Amino acid sequence: KKNTFIKREDFFKQILYLSRKKNLSAKKIRGVLKKSYSKNSLPSIRYIKKLMGSSGKKVQKKNHRALASSIVDYIYARTLKLNGLESSKKLSKKIHKKFGKKISASYHLRLPSSYPKTIPLTSKFKSKLHIWAGISSKGSTKFAIFKQNMNSDLYRDILAEYLIPFAFENFDFDF
C-alpha cells in the first residue's frame, strides 16, 4: 500500500506539472503517463481532472453575435409600440444609426426559441382568415371562413353547418 501511495504522490506531481506548465488536457496527460507506467496502475481521467481543479475546466466563450441588453430593450419597446409592423431590415438600420452596431436581421430578429435571445416580431398583417372546404367527386361544399384558431368545437360547428347539408344533397347517407 505504501508503494501505491508513493505512486499517487508521483502521479500528483506529474499531473500538476503537465497541466500547469504544458497546458495539457486530462486525456493528453493520461496519454503521457501511459508511456511511463503500465495501463492498470494509471489514475482515471476523472481523477486527473479532479487533481487539475479549475485549471482543467474549459472557459466558455462569449457569443460575439449576441446583442447587448440595451439593444434588446430598444427592439422590444419598438416592436410593442408599432405592433410589430416594422420590417426587420428597417429595424436593423435604425439600430445601426442609434447604437452604431450592425446586426443581421435574419440572425438576431428570428423566433424566440432560437439562440441567442431574440425578439418575436408579430405578423405584418393584422387580420388573418382561415378557410375550410370539403371536396368530393360530386362537388365541393361552401367555404367556411373564420378568424379564430380551429378547435374541436369550431370543427363540429363547421361540419354541422357545411358538410352535413352537402352530404344530404349529394349522397344517400343517413346521419
C-alpha atoms as a PDB file:
ATOM      1  CA  LYS A   1       0.000   0.000   0.000  1.00  0.00           C
ATOM      2  CA  LYS A   2       2.903   2.327   0.657  1.00  0.00           C
ATOM      3  CA  ASN A   3       4.149   1.901  -2.941  1.00  0.00           C
ATOM      4  CA  THR A   4       0.754   2.874  -4.375  1.00  0.00           C
ATOM      5  CA  PHE A   5       0.718   5.930  -2.114  1.00  0.00           C
ATOM      6  CA  ILE A   6       4.118   6.962  -3.446  1.00  0.00           C
ATOM      7  CA  LYS A   7       2.939   6.340  -6.978  1.00  0.00           C
ATOM      8  CA  ARG A   8      -0.100   8.522  -6.377  1.00  0.00           C
ATOM      9  CA  GLU A   9       2.202  11.203  -4.999  1.00  0.00           C
ATOM     10  CA  ASP A  10       4.344  10.901  -8.140  1.00  0.00           C
ATOM     11  CA  PHE A  11       1.244  10.993 -10.314  1.00  0.00           C
ATOM     12  CA  PHE A  12       0.036  14.047  -8.439  1.00  0.00           C
ATOM     13  CA  LYS A  13       3.299  15.938  -9.055  1.00  0.00           C
ATOM     14  CA  GLN A  14       3.439  14.927 -12.705  1.00  0.00           C
ATOM     15  CA  ILE A  15      -0.215  15.786 -13.306  1.00  0.00           C
ATOM     16  CA  LEU A  16       0.176  19.242 -11.774  1.00  0.00           C
ATOM     17  CA  TYR A  17       3.367  19.859 -13.749  1.00  0.00           C
ATOM     18  CA  LEU A  18       1.805  18.782 -17.051  1.00  0.00           C
ATOM     19  CA  SER A  19      -1.427  20.690 -16.516  1.00  0.00           C
ATOM     20  CA  ARG A  20       0.122  23.970 -15.345  1.00  0.00           C
ATOM     21  CA  LYS A  21       3.374  24.183 -17.277  1.00  0.00           C
ATOM     22  CA  LYS A  22       2.442  22.417 -20.502  1.00  0.00           C
ATOM     23  CA  ASN A  23      -1.305  23.273 -20.527  1.00  0.00           C
ATOM     24  CA  LEU A  24      -2.342  19.728 -21.411  1.00  0.00           C
ATOM     25  CA  SER A  25      -5.868  18.370 -21.076  1.00  0.00           C
ATOM     26  CA  ALA A  26      -6.703  15.392 -18.851  1.00  0.00           C
ATOM     27  CA  LYS A  27      -6.776  12.974 -21.814  1.00  0.00           C
ATOM     28  CA  LYS A  28      -3.373  14.123 -23.040  1.00  0.00           C
ATOM     29  CA  ILE A  29      -1.923  13.866 -19.522  1.00  0.00           C
ATOM     30  CA  ARG A  30      -3.177  10.276 -19.284  1.00  0.00           C
ATOM     31  CA  GLY A  31      -1.567   9.587 -22.669  1.00  0.00           C
ATOM     32  CA  VAL A  32       1.787  10.953 -21.442  1.00  0.00           C
ATOM     33  CA  LEU A  33       1.575   8.880 -18.246  1.00  0.00           C
ATOM     34  CA  LYS A  34       0.692   5.780 -20.291  1.00  0.00           C
ATOM     35  CA  LYS A  35       4.126   5.922 -21.874  1.00  0.00           C
ATOM     36  CA  SER A  36       5.871   5.740 -18.475  1.00  0.00           C
ATOM     37  CA  TYR A  37       3.630   3.428 -16.443  1.00  0.00           C
ATOM     38  CA  SER A  38       1.542   0.325 -17.002  1.00  0.00           C
ATOM     39  CA  LYS A  39      -2.065   0.857 -18.010  1.00  0.00           C
ATOM     40  CA  ASN A  40      -3.513  -0.784 -14.867  1.00  0.00           C
ATOM     41  CA  SER A  41      -1.695   1.499 -12.435  1.00  0.00           C
ATOM     42  CA  LEU A  42      -2.740   4.760 -14.135  1.00  0.00           C
ATOM     43  CA  PRO A  43      -5.268   7.075 -12.484  1.00  0.00           C
ATOM     44  CA  SER A  44      -8.579   7.611 -14.255  1.00  0.00           C
ATOM     45  CA  ILE A  45      -9.306  10.688 -16.341  1.00  0.00           C
ATOM     46  CA  ARG A  46     -11.878  11.743 -13.731  1.00  0.00           C
ATOM     47  CA  TYR A  47      -9.190  11.610 -11.016  1.00  0.00           C
ATOM     48  CA  ILE A  48      -6.798  13.610 -13.203  1.00  0.00           C
ATOM     49  CA  LYS A  49      -9.477  16.259 -13.786  1.00  0.00           C
ATOM     50  CA  LYS A  50     -10.125  16.370 -10.044  1.00  0.00           C
ATOM     51  CA  LEU A  51      -6.427  16.969  -9.346  1.00  0.00           C
ATOM     52  CA  MET A  52      -6.215  19.616 -12.041  1.00  0.00           C
ATOM     53  CA  GLY A  53      -9.004  21.536 -10.362  1.00  0.00           C
ATOM     54  CA  SER A  54     -10.151  24.724 -12.009  1.00  0.00           C
ATOM     55  CA  SER A  55      -7.185  24.798 -14.379  1.00  0.00           C
ATOM     56  CA  GLY A  56      -8.677  21.858 -16.290  1.00  0.00           C
ATOM     57  CA  LYS A  57     -12.067  23.458 -16.773  1.00  0.00           C
ATOM     58  CA  LYS A  58     -12.891  24.916 -20.129  1.00  0.00           C
ATOM     59  CA  VAL A  59     -13.716  28.596 -20.236  1.00  0.00           C
ATOM     60  CA  GLN A  60     -16.945  29.455 -22.006  1.00  0.00           C
ATOM     61  CA  LYS A  61     -16.517  31.905 -24.821  1.00  0.00           C
ATOM     62  CA  LYS A  62     -18.860  34.841 -25.096  1.00  0.00           C
ATOM     63  CA  ASN A  63     -21.147  34.741 -28.100  1.00  0.00           C
ATOM     64  CA  HIS A  64     -19.906  37.701 -30.124  1.00  0.00           C
ATOM     65  CA  ARG A  65     -23.153  37.809 -32.106  1.00  0.00           C
ATOM     66  CA  ALA A  66     -25.381  38.172 -29.015  1.00  0.00           C
ATOM     67  CA  LEU A  67     -26.996  41.561 -28.578  1.00  0.00           C
ATOM     68  CA  ALA A  68     -26.461  43.905 -25.653  1.00  0.00           C
ATOM     69  CA  SER A  69     -29.407  44.250 -23.293  1.00  0.00           C
ATOM     70  CA  SER A  70     -29.876  47.935 -24.220  1.00  0.00           C
ATOM     71  CA  ILE A  71     -30.368  46.984 -27.884  1.00  0.00           C
ATOM     72  CA  VAL A  72     -32.739  44.155 -26.942  1.00  0.00           C
ATOM     73  CA  ASP A  73     -34.796  46.546 -24.799  1.00  0.00           C
ATOM     74  CA  TYR A  74     -34.921  49.085 -27.653  1.00  0.00           C
ATOM     75  CA  ILE A  75     -36.116  46.451 -30.137  1.00  0.00           C
ATOM     76  CA  TYR A  76     -38.693  45.122 -27.689  1.00  0.00           C
ATOM     77  CA  ALA A  77     -40.099  48.609 -26.956  1.00  0.00           C
ATOM     78  CA  ARG A  78     -40.208  49.493 -30.649  1.00  0.00           C
ATOM     79  CA  THR A  79     -41.940  46.213 -31.512  1.00  0.00           C
ATOM     80  CA  LEU A  80     -44.582  46.785 -28.852  1.00  0.00           C
ATOM     81  CA  LYS A  81     -45.079  50.416 -29.903  1.00  0.00           C
ATOM     82  CA  LEU A  82     -45.604  49.625 -33.587  1.00  0.00           C
ATOM     83  CA  ASN A  83     -47.350  46.262 -33.027  1.00  0.00           C
ATOM     84  CA  GLY A  84     -44.586  44.546 -34.981  1.00  0.00           C
ATOM     85  CA  LEU A  85     -45.498  46.333 -38.213  1.00  0.00           C
ATOM     86  CA  GLU A  86     -41.942  47.490 -38.917  1.00  0.00           C
ATOM     87  CA  SER A  87     -39.814  45.382 -41.227  1.00  0.00           C
ATOM     88  CA  SER A  88     -36.740  43.765 -39.744  1.00  0.00           C
ATOM     89  CA  LYS A  89     -34.453  45.460 -42.292  1.00  0.00           C
ATOM     90  CA  LYS A  90     -35.690  48.921 -41.278  1.00  0.00           C
ATOM     91  CA  LEU A  91     -35.283  47.994 -37.636  1.00  0.00           C
ATOM     92  CA  SER A  92     -31.692  46.842 -38.176  1.00  0.00           C
ATOM     93  CA  LYS A  93     -30.895  50.142 -39.967  1.00  0.00           C
ATOM     94  CA  LYS A  94     -32.350  52.175 -37.081  1.00  0.00           C
ATOM     95  CA  ILE A  95     -30.292  50.165 -34.586  1.00  0.00           C
ATOM     96  CA  HIS A  96     -27.172  50.844 -36.651  1.00  0.00           C
ATOM     97  CA  LYS A  97     -27.910  54.605 -36.607  1.00  0.00           C
ATOM     98  CA  LYS A  98     -28.724  54.735 -32.888  1.00  0.00           C
ATOM     99  CA  PHE A  99     -26.190  52.295 -31.385  1.00  0.00           C
ATOM    100  CA  GLY A 100     -23.555  52.096 -34.118  1.00  0.00           C
ATOM    101  CA  LYS A 101     -23.740  48.303 -34.249  1.00  0.00           C
ATOM    102  CA  LYS A 102     -24.667  46.399 -37.373  1.00  0.00           C
ATOM    103  CA  ILE A 103     -26.974  43.481 -36.744  1.00  0.00           C
ATOM    104  CA  SER A 104     -28.151  40.803 -39.080  1.00  0.00           C
ATOM    105  CA  ALA A 105     -31.915  40.898 -39.452  1.00  0.00           C
ATOM    106  CA  SER A 106     -32.037  37.227 -40.370  1.00  0.00           C
ATOM    107  CA  TYR A 107     -29.929  36.192 -37.352  1.00  0.00           C
ATOM    108  CA  HIS A 108     -30.927  38.458 -34.474  1.00  0.00           C
ATOM    109  CA  LEU A 109     -34.593  39.038 -35.265  1.00  0.00           C
ATOM    110  CA  ARG A 110     -35.832  35.471 -35.528  1.00  0.00           C
ATOM    111  CA  LEU A 111     -38.055  33.174 -33.484  1.00  0.00           C
ATOM    112  CA  PRO A 112     -37.805  33.421 -29.673  1.00  0.00           C
ATOM    113  CA  SER A 113     -36.924  29.727 -29.321  1.00  0.00           C
ATOM    114  CA  SER A 114     -33.714  30.150 -31.304  1.00  0.00           C
ATOM    115  CA  TYR A 115     -30.359  31.045 -29.759  1.00  0.00           C
ATOM    116  CA  PRO A 116     -29.368  33.741 -28.736  1.00  0.00           C
ATOM    117  CA  LYS A 117     -32.151  35.773 -27.104  1.00  0.00           C
ATOM    118  CA  THR A 118     -34.257  37.306 -29.830  1.00  0.00           C
ATOM    119  CA  ILE A 119     -37.346  39.449 -30.159  1.00  0.00           C
ATOM    120  CA  PRO A 120     -40.551  37.938 -31.513  1.00  0.00           C
ATOM    121  CA  LEU A 121     -41.939  40.133 -34.272  1.00  0.00           C
ATOM    122  CA  THR A 122     -45.670  39.919 -34.802  1.00  0.00           C
ATOM    123  CA  SER A 123     -47.202  39.480 -38.196  1.00  0.00           C
ATOM    124  CA  LYS A 124     -47.141  42.390 -40.619  1.00  0.00           C
ATOM    125  CA  PHE A 125     -50.808  41.726 -41.401  1.00  0.00           C
ATOM    126  CA  LYS A 126     -53.281  42.462 -38.626  1.00  0.00           C
ATOM    127  CA  SER A 127     -56.101  40.086 -39.515  1.00  0.00           C
ATOM    128  CA  LYS A 128     -55.832  36.502 -40.654  1.00  0.00           C
ATOM    129  CA  LEU A 129     -58.547  34.403 -42.183  1.00  0.00           C
ATOM    130  CA  HIS A 130     -58.810  30.645 -42.120  1.00  0.00           C
ATOM    131  CA  ILE A 131     -60.772  28.885 -44.850  1.00  0.00           C
ATOM    132  CA  TRP A 132     -62.189  25.371 -44.681  1.00  0.00           C
ATOM    133  CA  ALA A 133     -63.897  23.482 -47.502  1.00  0.00           C
ATOM    134  CA  GLY A 134     -64.900  19.910 -48.224  1.00  0.00           C
ATOM    135  CA  ILE A 135     -64.173  18.440 -51.663  1.00  0.00           C
ATOM    136  CA  SER A 136     -65.606  15.262 -53.175  1.00  0.00           C
ATOM    137  CA  SER A 137     -66.246  13.742 -56.607  1.00  0.00           C
ATOM    138  CA  LYS A 138     -69.723  15.329 -56.659  1.00  0.00           C
ATOM    139  CA  GLY A 139     -68.539  18.853 -55.951  1.00  0.00           C
ATOM    140  CA  SER A 140     -67.379  20.923 -53.047  1.00  0.00           C
ATOM    141  CA  THR A 141     -69.007  22.439 -50.001  1.00  0.00           C
ATOM    142  CA  LYS A 142     -69.349  26.141 -49.410  1.00  0.00           C
ATOM    143  CA  PHE A 143     -66.292  27.790 -47.941  1.00  0.00           C
ATOM    144  CA  ALA A 144     -66.233  28.211 -44.167  1.00  0.00           C
ATOM    145  CA  ILE A 145     -64.362  31.400 -43.282  1.00  0.00           C
ATOM    146  CA  PHE A 146     -63.323  32.078 -39.682  1.00  0.00           C
ATOM    147  CA  LYS A 147     -60.752  34.196 -37.835  1.00  0.00           C
ATOM    148  CA  GLN A 148     -60.026  32.268 -34.631  1.00  0.00           C
ATOM    149  CA  ASN A 149     -57.866  29.166 -34.332  1.00  0.00           C
ATOM    150  CA  MET A 150     -59.623  25.909 -35.051  1.00  0.00           C
ATOM    151  CA  ASN A 151     -60.534  23.717 -32.109  1.00  0.00           C
ATOM    152  CA  SER A 152     -62.882  20.739 -31.752  1.00  0.00           C
ATOM    153  CA  ASP A 153     -65.986  22.862 -31.043  1.00  0.00           C
ATOM    154  CA  LEU A 154     -65.436  25.040 -34.106  1.00  0.00           C
ATOM    155  CA  TYR A 155     -64.771  21.961 -36.240  1.00  0.00           C
ATOM    156  CA  ARG A 156     -68.056  20.361 -35.116  1.00  0.00           C
ATOM    157  CA  ASP A 157     -69.926  23.580 -35.930  1.00  0.00           C
ATOM    158  CA  ILE A 158     -68.368  23.721 -39.407  1.00  0.00           C
ATOM    159  CA  LEU A 159     -69.270  20.087 -40.077  1.00  0.00           C
ATOM    160  CA  ALA A 160     -72.856  20.654 -38.939  1.00  0.00           C
ATOM    161  CA  GLU A 161     -73.265  23.849 -40.948  1.00  0.00           C
ATOM    162  CA  TYR A 162     -71.446  22.962 -44.195  1.00  0.00           C
ATOM    163  CA  LEU A 163     -70.669  19.252 -44.582  1.00  0.00           C
ATOM    164  CA  ILE A 164     -73.866  17.562 -43.388  1.00  0.00           C
ATOM    165  CA  PRO A 165     -76.197  19.600 -45.668  1.00  0.00           C
ATOM    166  CA  PHE A 166     -73.828  18.917 -48.587  1.00  0.00           C
ATOM    167  CA  ALA A 167     -73.885  15.182 -47.825  1.00  0.00           C
ATOM    168  CA  PHE A 168     -77.726  15.137 -47.676  1.00  0.00           C
ATOM    169  CA  GLU A 169     -77.947  16.856 -51.071  1.00  0.00           C
ATOM    170  CA  ASN A 170     -75.361  14.745 -52.896  1.00  0.00           C
ATOM    171  CA  PHE A 171     -75.176  11.356 -51.196  1.00  0.00           C
ATOM    172  CA  ASP A 172     -77.631   8.830 -49.797  1.00  0.00           C
ATOM    173  CA  PHE A 173     -76.329   8.801 -46.230  1.00  0.00           C
ATOM    174  CA  ASP A 174     -78.410   8.551 -43.092  1.00  0.00           C
ATOM    175  CA  PHE A 175     -76.717  10.505 -40.356  1.00  0.00           C
END
